[in-house]
Amino acid sequence: MSSSVSPEDPLGSNIESAIVAVSPLLDLVLAVGERISRIAEPVDYEYYPVHDEDEDIPEG
């Protein structure tokens, strides 16, 4: 993975290092939240699938 921060920017480098270090924890938080959501409400009644605009055009 190439870094987009220039080597002369120590603050940017520190921030990038912090994000890389914390990212596994954030992934875990998202996974736990998704699991809790699925346990609390297994069926999402507010979910409406996306319709393709091409399907809405009547033929004929």
Protein backbone atom coordinates (compact mmCIF):
# COMPACT_ATOMS: atom_id res chain seq x y z
CA MET A 1 0.00 0.00 0.00
CA SER A 2 1.54 3.29 -1.01
CA SER A 3 1.28 6.27 1.27
CA SER A 4 -0.39 9.44 0.01
CA VAL A 5 1.28 11.51 2.74
CA SER A 6 4.55 13.21 1.89
CA PRO A 7 7.55 12.26 4.06
CA GLU A 8 7.95 15.91 5.11
CA ASP A 9 4.53 15.90 6.85
CA PRO A 10 5.01 14.27 10.28
CA LEU A 11 1.47 15.13 11.46
CA GLY A 12 -0.08 13.45 8.41
CA SER A 13 2.14 10.44 8.94
CA ASN A 14 1.09 10.21 12.59
CA ILE A 15 -2.59 10.46 11.68
CA GLU A 16 -2.24 7.79 9.01
CA SER A 17 -0.43 5.50 11.46
CA ALA A 18 -3.19 6.01 14.03
CA ILE A 19 -5.90 5.15 11.49
CA VAL A 20 -4.04 2.02 10.42
CA ALA A 21 -3.60 0.99 14.07
CA VAL A 22 -7.26 1.55 15.00
CA SER A 23 -8.86 0.10 11.86
CA PRO A 24 -9.11 -3.51 13.17
CA LEU A 25 -10.94 -2.22 16.26
CA LEU A 26 -13.34 -0.22 14.09
CA ASP A 27 -13.97 -3.30 11.92
CA LEU A 28 -14.80 -5.26 15.08
CA VAL A 29 -17.20 -2.55 16.28
CA LEU A 30 -19.02 -2.61 12.92
CA ALA A 31 -19.22 -6.41 12.91
CA VAL A 32 -20.60 -6.51 16.46
CA GLY A 33 -23.13 -3.78 15.64
CA GLU A 34 -24.31 -5.66 12.56
CA ARG A 35 -24.65 -8.88 14.57
CA ILE A 36 -26.66 -7.11 17.30
CA SER A 37 -28.87 -5.52 14.66
CA ARG A 38 -29.62 -8.89 13.06
CA ILE A 39 -30.40 -10.46 16.45
CA ALA A 40 -32.62 -7.57 17.55
CA GLU A 41 -34.61 -7.42 14.31
CA PRO A 42 -33.99 -10.44 12.05
CA VAL A 43 -36.38 -9.20 9.37
CA ASP A 44 -36.01 -5.62 8.19
CA TYR A 45 -39.53 -4.53 7.33
CA GLU A 46 -38.31 -1.11 6.15
CA TYR A 47 -36.04 -2.60 3.47
CA TYR A 48 -37.12 -1.87 -0.08
CA PRO A 49 -34.97 -3.37 -2.85
CA VAL A 50 -33.60 -1.01 -5.44
CA HIS A 51 -35.41 -1.14 -8.77
CA ASP A 52 -33.57 -0.77 -12.02
CA GLU A 53 -34.75 2.25 -14.04
CA ASP A 54 -34.79 0.04 -17.15
CA GLU A 55 -37.44 -2.20 -15.58
CA ASP A 56 -39.86 0.73 -15.07
CA ILE A 57 -40.18 1.45 -18.81
CA PRO A 58 -43.38 -0.16 -20.11
CA GLU A 59 -43.06 -1.92 -23.43
CA GLY A 60 -45.69 -1.40 -26.09
